[in-house]
Protein backbone atom coordinates (compact mmCIF):
# COMPACT_ATOMS: atom_id res chain seq x y z
CA MET A 1 15.62 -14.22 2.38
CA LYS A 2 13.80 -11.77 0.10
CA THR A 3 10.65 -10.64 0.25
CA ASN A 4 8.56 -9.20 -2.69
CA ALA A 5 8.55 -5.33 -0.96
CA MET A 6 12.23 -5.92 -1.19
CA ARG A 7 12.32 -7.08 -4.78
CA ILE A 8 10.09 -4.29 -5.58
CA LEU A 9 12.72 -1.64 -4.05
CA GLU A 10 15.72 -3.39 -5.55
CA SER A 11 14.32 -3.18 -8.89
CA LEU A 12 13.28 0.64 -8.56
CA GLY A 13 17.04 1.05 -7.02
CA ILE A 14 15.50 2.49 -3.88
CA SER A 15 17.84 1.81 -1.02
CA TYR A 16 16.38 0.58 2.14
CA SER A 17 17.65 -1.31 5.25
CA ILE A 18 16.31 -4.22 6.99
CA HIS A 19 15.36 -4.47 10.89
CA THR A 20 14.13 -8.12 12.05
CA TYR A 21 12.90 -8.99 15.31
CA GLU A 22 11.68 -12.02 17.59
CA VAL A 23 7.88 -12.11 16.69
CA ASP A 24 5.34 -12.86 19.36
CA GLU A 25 2.30 -14.47 17.97
CA ASP A 26 0.07 -12.70 20.81
CA HIS A 27 1.30 -9.26 20.04
CA LEU A 28 1.36 -8.53 16.51
CA ASP A 29 1.09 -4.86 16.50
CA ALA A 30 3.16 -2.34 15.30
CA ILE A 31 3.98 -0.82 18.59
CA HIS A 32 5.07 -4.02 20.07
CA ALA A 33 7.23 -4.47 17.13
CA ALA A 34 8.91 -1.28 17.28
CA HIS A 35 9.57 -2.11 21.18
CA THR A 36 10.96 -5.54 20.33
CA ALA A 37 13.08 -4.10 17.35
CA GLY A 38 14.42 -1.28 19.42
CA LEU A 39 12.95 1.00 17.00
CA ASP A 40 11.75 4.31 17.79
CA ALA A 41 8.10 3.96 17.64
CA GLU A 42 6.84 7.13 16.13
CA ARG A 43 8.61 6.45 13.09
CA VAL A 44 6.89 2.53 12.36
CA TYR A 45 4.45 2.60 10.22
CA LYS A 46 1.73 0.09 10.37
CA THR A 47 -0.28 -0.74 6.97
CA ILE A 48 -4.26 -0.71 7.35
CA VAL A 49 -6.68 -1.79 4.52
CA MET A 50 -10.07 -0.52 4.46
CA ARG A 51 -13.00 -0.80 1.99
CA ASN A 52 -15.91 1.52 1.39
CA THR A 53 -19.48 0.46 0.46
CA GLU A 54 -18.73 0.36 -3.31
CA ARG A 55 -16.11 -2.60 -2.27
CA GLU A 56 -13.20 -0.38 -3.14
CA VAL A 57 -9.92 -1.15 -1.34
CA TYR A 58 -7.51 1.49 0.12
CA VAL A 59 -4.43 1.22 1.89
CA PHE A 60 -3.35 3.16 4.50
CA CYS A 61 0.05 3.80 6.26
CA LEU A 62 0.20 5.98 9.65
CA PRO A 63 2.46 6.13 12.70
CA ALA A 64 1.93 2.69 14.69
CA GLU A 65 0.69 4.78 17.50
CA ALA A 66 -2.11 6.79 15.41
CA GLU A 67 -5.74 6.07 14.65
CA ILE A 68 -7.52 6.70 11.24
CA SER A 69 -9.96 9.40 11.08
CA LEU A 70 -13.01 7.70 9.46
CA LYS A 71 -14.06 11.01 8.55
CA LYS A 72 -10.83 12.06 7.11
CA ALA A 73 -10.81 8.85 5.33
CA ARG A 74 -14.31 9.06 3.78
CA ALA A 75 -13.41 12.59 2.44
CA LEU A 76 -10.03 11.35 0.96
CA THR A 77 -11.33 8.58 -0.51
CA GLY A 78 -14.77 10.20 -1.61
CA SER A 79 -16.59 7.32 0.23
CA ARG A 80 -20.02 7.87 2.12
CA GLU A 81 -19.15 4.74 4.18
CA ILE A 82 -15.59 3.20 4.81
CA ASP A 83 -14.08 0.31 7.75
CA LEU A 84 -11.51 -2.00 8.16
CA ILE A 85 -11.70 -4.88 6.07
CA LYS A 86 -12.26 -8.36 8.14
CA GLN A 87 -9.25 -10.11 9.03
CA ASN A 88 -10.06 -13.20 6.96
CA GLU A 89 -9.74 -10.70 3.84
CA LEU A 90 -6.39 -9.47 4.50
CA LEU A 91 -4.54 -12.69 2.78
CA PRO A 92 -7.02 -12.97 -0.13
CA LEU A 93 -6.77 -9.39 -0.78
CA THR A 94 -3.16 -8.38 -0.18
CA GLY A 95 -1.27 -11.68 -0.11
CA TYR A 96 -0.18 -10.91 3.40
CA ILE A 97 -1.39 -11.90 6.85
CA ARG A 98 -1.59 -9.70 9.95
CA GLY A 99 1.55 -8.70 11.46
CA GLY A 100 3.34 -8.77 7.96
CA CYS A 101 1.29 -6.51 5.92
CA SER A 102 3.69 -4.28 3.56
CA PRO A 103 2.42 -1.29 1.57
CA LEU A 104 4.46 -2.89 -1.23
CA GLY A 105 3.64 -6.01 -3.08
CA MET A 106 0.26 -6.72 -2.68
CA ARG A 107 -1.32 -8.80 -5.02
CA LYS A 108 -3.30 -6.09 -6.74
CA HIS A 109 -2.32 -2.14 -6.68
CA TYR A 110 -5.08 0.10 -4.42
CA PRO A 111 -4.76 3.29 -4.03
CA THR A 112 -2.64 3.92 -1.25
CA PHE A 113 -2.07 6.69 1.51
CA ILE A 114 0.79 7.53 3.69
CA GLU A 115 -0.06 9.96 6.83
CA GLU A 116 1.86 13.31 5.59
CA LEU A 117 3.55 13.26 9.07
CA ALA A 118 6.13 10.79 7.55
CA GLN A 119 7.44 13.65 5.47
CA LEU A 120 9.23 15.06 8.67
CA GLU A 121 11.29 12.42 9.12
CA ASP A 122 14.62 11.29 6.81
CA THR A 123 13.45 7.75 7.11
CA ILE A 124 10.52 5.53 8.40
CA TYR A 125 10.07 1.74 8.92
CA VAL A 126 7.24 -0.32 7.33
CA SER A 127 6.57 -4.13 7.74
CA GLY A 128 9.09 -5.84 5.11
CA GLY A 129 6.02 -8.01 4.01
CA GLN A 130 6.78 -10.61 6.32
CA ARG A 131 6.51 -10.95 10.44
CA GLY A 132 9.57 -10.23 11.94
CA ILE A 133 10.76 -7.39 9.02
CA GLN A 134 10.66 -4.16 9.52
CA ILE A 135 11.85 -2.02 6.24
CA GLU A 136 13.79 1.55 7.06
CA ILE A 137 12.92 3.46 4.22
CA ALA A 138 12.78 7.24 3.07
CA PRO A 139 8.94 8.40 3.02
CA GLU A 140 9.68 9.77 -0.27
CA ASP A 141 11.01 6.38 -1.89
CA LEU A 142 7.99 4.58 -0.20
CA LYS A 143 5.51 7.03 -1.89
CA ARG A 144 7.08 6.29 -5.05
CA ALA A 145 7.50 2.57 -4.64
CA ALA A 146 4.13 1.88 -3.39
CA GLY A 147 2.46 4.73 -6.04
CA ALA A 148 1.41 6.61 -2.91
CA VAL A 149 0.08 9.83 -2.10
CA PHE A 150 0.86 11.89 1.12
CA ALA A 151 -2.18 12.82 2.94
CA ASP A 152 -3.73 13.95 6.31
CA PHE A 153 -5.92 11.39 7.70
CA THR A 154 -5.25 10.74 11.23
């Protein structure tokens, strides 16, 4: 089954590969996904959605084991305050559920940032838009497909 993310990549002529894994509803985090799929956790990138006090939404792609620096995120987005969206807002805003949120194919395009460390890798893994699917893709290709920019925010 093709996901929205896969259709977008194919429409742009971007090559990618799919890695599937068994989903554990109790462990939906990217680190667990990496281990379950047998992937290098340093190359698995999670997608975090945040909103500022002006109600502007931003998407951040960062290594599974990394954390967003709120100070850097505020500076990057020009926000006074920025925080994670509530879990119940994820589906209405993005079209995705926790554990299957991809930076590709959201309901609306939001400013998207990929941690600049991704540029050091030949390929990285991001959610394919469904739990249990990781897409392996070149960072530059992800940047192009997601309309993203590389930035330092961890």
